[in-house]
């Protein structure tokens, strides 16, 4: 999997995650004022990935 970062039309930083087959599997759902904040958000996703529970609904 690979994270990608980019600036949207409003000038905000966003990220998305692609799986090894190239499908987009997650995105930031919000823009960030700075590249650092965007990278910090990616770090949170990476840190919680294995510890995050799932719920069947």
C-alpha atoms as a PDB file:
ATOM      1  CA  UNK A   1       0.000   0.000   0.000  1.00  0.00           C
ATOM      2  CA  UNK A   2       1.092   3.544  -0.712  1.00  0.00           C
ATOM      3  CA  UNK A   3      -0.070   6.935   0.576  1.00  0.00           C
ATOM      4  CA  UNK A   4      -0.274   9.813  -1.907  1.00  0.00           C
ATOM      5  CA  UNK A   5      -0.521  13.494  -0.964  1.00  0.00           C
ATOM      6  CA  UNK A   6      -1.691  16.366  -3.146  1.00  0.00           C
ATOM      7  CA  UNK A   7      -3.070  19.897  -3.049  1.00  0.00           C
ATOM      8  CA  UNK A   8      -6.720  20.235  -4.023  1.00  0.00           C
ATOM      9  CA  UNK A   9      -8.306  23.105  -5.982  1.00  0.00           C
ATOM     10  CA  UNK A  10      -8.868  25.048  -2.743  1.00  0.00           C
ATOM     11  CA  UNK A  11      -5.154  24.831  -1.921  1.00  0.00           C
ATOM     12  CA  UNK A  12      -5.599  22.351   0.922  1.00  0.00           C
ATOM     13  CA  UNK A  13      -3.473  19.236   1.367  1.00  0.00           C
ATOM     14  CA  UNK A  14      -5.167  15.837   1.140  1.00  0.00           C
ATOM     15  CA  UNK A  15      -4.076  12.216   1.137  1.00  0.00           C
ATOM     16  CA  UNK A  16      -5.326   8.942  -0.259  1.00  0.00           C
ATOM     17  CA  UNK A  17      -4.205   5.348   0.123  1.00  0.00           C
ATOM     18  CA  UNK A  18      -3.890   2.860  -2.729  1.00  0.00           C
ATOM     19  CA  UNK A  19      -3.628  -0.895  -2.361  1.00  0.00           C
ATOM     20  CA  UNK A  20      -1.027  -2.944  -4.191  1.00  0.00           C
ATOM     21  CA  UNK A  21      -3.512  -3.548  -7.034  1.00  0.00           C
ATOM     22  CA  UNK A  22      -3.886   0.209  -7.571  1.00  0.00           C
ATOM     23  CA  UNK A  23      -7.360   0.604  -6.082  1.00  0.00           C
ATOM     24  CA  UNK A  24      -7.986   3.627  -3.882  1.00  0.00           C
ATOM     25  CA  UNK A  25      -9.015   2.241  -0.499  1.00  0.00           C
ATOM     26  CA  UNK A  26      -9.036   5.310   1.791  1.00  0.00           C
ATOM     27  CA  UNK A  27      -8.795   9.090   1.714  1.00  0.00           C
ATOM     28  CA  UNK A  28      -8.476  11.995   4.107  1.00  0.00           C
ATOM     29  CA  UNK A  29     -12.118  13.134   3.723  1.00  0.00           C
ATOM     30  CA  UNK A  30     -10.950  16.635   4.666  1.00  0.00           C
ATOM     31  CA  UNK A  31      -8.300  19.097   3.595  1.00  0.00           C
ATOM     32  CA  UNK A  32      -5.352  20.244   5.704  1.00  0.00           C
ATOM     33  CA  UNK A  33      -3.941  23.761   5.825  1.00  0.00           C
ATOM     34  CA  UNK A  34      -0.333  22.573   5.687  1.00  0.00           C
ATOM     35  CA  UNK A  35       1.598  19.670   4.245  1.00  0.00           C
ATOM     36  CA  UNK A  36       2.878  18.908   7.755  1.00  0.00           C
ATOM     37  CA  UNK A  37      -0.672  18.481   9.087  1.00  0.00           C
ATOM     38  CA  UNK A  38      -1.462  16.187   6.171  1.00  0.00           C
ATOM     39  CA  UNK A  39       1.621  14.072   6.904  1.00  0.00           C
ATOM     40  CA  UNK A  40       0.725  14.049  10.615  1.00  0.00           C
ATOM     41  CA  UNK A  41      -2.711  12.657   9.711  1.00  0.00           C
ATOM     42  CA  UNK A  42      -1.081   9.915   7.638  1.00  0.00           C
ATOM     43  CA  UNK A  43       1.086   9.128  10.658  1.00  0.00           C
ATOM     44  CA  UNK A  44      -2.022   8.705  12.816  1.00  0.00           C
ATOM     45  CA  UNK A  45      -3.484   6.263  10.299  1.00  0.00           C
ATOM     46  CA  UNK A  46      -0.229   4.331  10.192  1.00  0.00           C
ATOM     47  CA  UNK A  47       0.057   4.247  14.006  1.00  0.00           C
ATOM     48  CA  UNK A  48      -3.481   3.012  14.591  1.00  0.00           C
ATOM     49  CA  UNK A  49      -3.734   0.625  11.654  1.00  0.00           C
ATOM     50  CA  UNK A  50      -2.929  -2.611  13.506  1.00  0.00           C
ATOM     51  CA  UNK A  51      -4.543  -1.566  16.770  1.00  0.00           C
ATOM     52  CA  UNK A  52      -7.808  -0.289  15.284  1.00  0.00           C
ATOM     53  CA  UNK A  53     -10.746  -2.588  16.012  1.00  0.00           C
ATOM     54  CA  UNK A  54     -13.472  -3.415  13.550  1.00  0.00           C
ATOM     55  CA  UNK A  55     -17.169  -3.842  14.196  1.00  0.00           C
ATOM     56  CA  UNK A  56     -19.661  -5.922  12.266  1.00  0.00           C
ATOM     57  CA  UNK A  57     -22.943  -4.065  11.799  1.00  0.00           C
END
